[in-house]
C-alpha atoms as a PDB file:
ATOM      1  CA  MET A   1      -0.365 -16.144  16.004  1.00  0.00           C
ATOM      2  CA  GLY A   2       2.127 -15.522  13.219  1.00  0.00           C
ATOM      3  CA  LYS A   3       3.194 -13.376  10.334  1.00  0.00           C
ATOM      4  CA  LEU A   4       2.594 -13.893   6.627  1.00  0.00           C
ATOM      5  CA  ASN A   5       4.954 -12.556   3.981  1.00  0.00           C
ATOM      6  CA  ALA A   6       3.594 -13.509   0.562  1.00  0.00           C
ATOM      7  CA  GLN A   7       2.748 -12.207  -2.880  1.00  0.00           C
ATOM      8  CA  GLY A   8      -0.284 -13.111  -4.908  1.00  0.00           C
ATOM      9  CA  VAL A   9      -3.041 -12.232  -7.271  1.00  0.00           C
ATOM     10  CA  THR A  10      -6.692 -11.601  -6.444  1.00  0.00           C
ATOM     11  CA  THR A  11      -9.902 -10.802  -8.257  1.00  0.00           C
ATOM     12  CA  VAL A  12     -12.262  -8.315  -6.634  1.00  0.00           C
ATOM     13  CA  SER A  13     -15.909  -7.936  -7.683  1.00  0.00           C
ATOM     14  CA  ILE A  14     -17.615  -4.728  -6.550  1.00  0.00           C
ATOM     15  CA  THR A  15     -21.338  -3.982  -6.626  1.00  0.00           C
ATOM     16  CA  GLN A  16     -21.751  -0.204  -6.552  1.00  0.00           C
ATOM     17  CA  LYS A  17     -25.037   1.161  -5.157  1.00  0.00           C
ATOM     18  CA  THR A  18     -26.721   4.447  -6.023  1.00  0.00           C
ATOM     19  CA  ASP A  19     -26.243   5.815  -2.478  1.00  0.00           C
ATOM     20  CA  GLY A  20     -22.434   5.626  -2.869  1.00  0.00           C
ATOM     21  CA  SER A  21     -22.014   2.454  -0.827  1.00  0.00           C
ATOM     22  CA  ASN A  22     -20.755  -0.830  -2.239  1.00  0.00           C
ATOM     23  CA  GLU A  23     -20.323  -4.503  -1.464  1.00  0.00           C
ATOM     24  CA  TRP A  24     -17.185  -6.356  -2.491  1.00  0.00           C
ATOM     25  CA  GLU A  25     -16.018  -9.941  -2.756  1.00  0.00           C
ATOM     26  CA  MET A  26     -12.490 -11.173  -3.428  1.00  0.00           C
ATOM     27  CA  LYS A  27     -10.795 -14.472  -4.240  1.00  0.00           C
ATOM     28  CA  GLY A  28      -7.152 -15.169  -4.863  1.00  0.00           C
ATOM     29  CA  VAL A  29      -3.995 -17.188  -4.347  1.00  0.00           C
ATOM     30  CA  MET A  30      -0.765 -16.257  -2.599  1.00  0.00           C
ATOM     31  CA  ARG A  31       2.744 -17.750  -2.505  1.00  0.00           C
ATOM     32  CA  THR A  32       5.467 -17.292   0.077  1.00  0.00           C
ATOM     33  CA  ARG A  33       9.157 -16.911  -0.793  1.00  0.00           C
ATOM     34  CA  GLU A  34       9.622 -20.506   0.339  1.00  0.00           C
ATOM     35  CA  GLY A  35       7.067 -21.669  -2.257  1.00  0.00           C
ATOM     36  CA  ASP A  36       4.110 -22.402   0.009  1.00  0.00           C
ATOM     37  CA  PHE A  37       0.686 -21.604  -1.470  1.00  0.00           C
ATOM     38  CA  LEU A  38      -2.556 -20.503   0.127  1.00  0.00           C
ATOM     39  CA  ALA A  39      -6.019 -19.578  -1.055  1.00  0.00           C
ATOM     40  CA  VAL A  40      -7.592 -16.361   0.183  1.00  0.00           C
ATOM     41  CA  TRP A  41     -11.176 -15.120  -0.046  1.00  0.00           C
ATOM     42  CA  GLY A  42     -13.311 -12.524   1.655  1.00  0.00           C
ATOM     43  CA  ASN A  43     -16.024  -9.901   1.443  1.00  0.00           C
ATOM     44  CA  GLY A  44     -17.098  -6.618   2.932  1.00  0.00           C
ATOM     45  CA  THR A  45     -18.595  -3.204   2.388  1.00  0.00           C
ATOM     46  CA  GLY A  46     -17.376   0.239   1.409  1.00  0.00           C
ATOM     47  CA  LYS A  47     -18.446   3.751   0.558  1.00  0.00           C
ATOM     48  CA  SER A  48     -17.314   6.622  -1.622  1.00  0.00           C
ATOM     49  CA  THR A  49     -15.436   9.365   0.216  1.00  0.00           C
ATOM     50  CA  GLY A  50     -14.832  11.613  -2.782  1.00  0.00           C
ATOM     51  CA  PRO A  51     -14.946  11.691  -6.579  1.00  0.00           C
ATOM     52  CA  THR A  52     -12.015   9.262  -6.882  1.00  0.00           C
ATOM     53  CA  THR A  53     -11.631   7.854  -3.343  1.00  0.00           C
ATOM     54  CA  ALA A  54     -13.346   5.264  -1.178  1.00  0.00           C
ATOM     55  CA  GLU A  55     -12.978   3.443   2.123  1.00  0.00           C
ATOM     56  CA  TRP A  56     -13.752  -0.211   2.775  1.00  0.00           C
ATOM     57  CA  THR A  57     -13.742  -2.899   5.481  1.00  0.00           C
ATOM     58  CA  GLY A  58     -14.309  -6.627   5.554  1.00  0.00           C
ATOM     59  CA  GLU A  59     -13.039 -10.024   6.510  1.00  0.00           C
ATOM     60  CA  VAL A  60     -10.635 -12.401   4.806  1.00  0.00           C
ATOM     61  CA  HIS A  61     -10.251 -16.177   5.171  1.00  0.00           C
ATOM     62  CA  PHE A  62      -7.297 -18.403   4.346  1.00  0.00           C
ATOM     63  CA  MET A  63      -6.742 -22.052   3.431  1.00  0.00           C
ATOM     64  CA  SER A  64      -3.461 -23.883   2.882  1.00  0.00           C
ATOM     65  CA  ARG A  65      -2.257 -27.476   2.681  1.00  0.00           C
ATOM     66  CA  SER A  66       1.231 -26.380   3.722  1.00  0.00           C
ATOM     67  CA  PRO A  67       2.205 -27.502   7.236  1.00  0.00           C
ATOM     68  CA  LYS A  68       4.038 -24.176   7.666  1.00  0.00           C
ATOM     69  CA  LEU A  69       0.833 -22.227   6.972  1.00  0.00           C
ATOM     70  CA  SER A  70      -1.648 -24.544   8.724  1.00  0.00           C
ATOM     71  CA  TRP A  71      -2.098 -21.949  11.485  1.00  0.00           C
ATOM     72  CA  LEU A  72      -3.959 -19.802   8.920  1.00  0.00           C
ATOM     73  CA  ASN A  73      -6.658 -22.404   8.230  1.00  0.00           C
ATOM     74  CA  ASN A  74      -8.768 -21.281  11.216  1.00  0.00           C
ATOM     75  CA  VAL A  75      -7.982 -17.572  11.026  1.00  0.00           C
ATOM     76  CA  THR A  76     -10.399 -14.822  10.010  1.00  0.00           C
ATOM     77  CA  GLY A  77      -8.562 -11.616   9.157  1.00  0.00           C
ATOM     78  CA  TRP A  78      -9.935  -8.062   9.232  1.00  0.00           C
ATOM     79  CA  VAL A  79      -9.038  -5.721   6.373  1.00  0.00           C
ATOM     80  CA  GLU A  80      -9.606  -2.019   5.894  1.00  0.00           C
ATOM     81  CA  GLY A  81      -8.409   0.584   3.506  1.00  0.00           C
END
């Protein structure tokens, strides 16, 4: 495929459950150094691993009108942390 080097801002909404698990949803925009923009959104699940730590996984989708980034329009990314 390709490589993306961009910076952006996202908003993440998390619904915390009483069993320590959670569901999250994110939306944002990113910009490359060359000035190309793309929208990014995704969702997933997570769980608490300690008093101040957690782990999470999910998928992310992209959309761009830039010809340079058109390869991302049909890509589903996997994220974990």
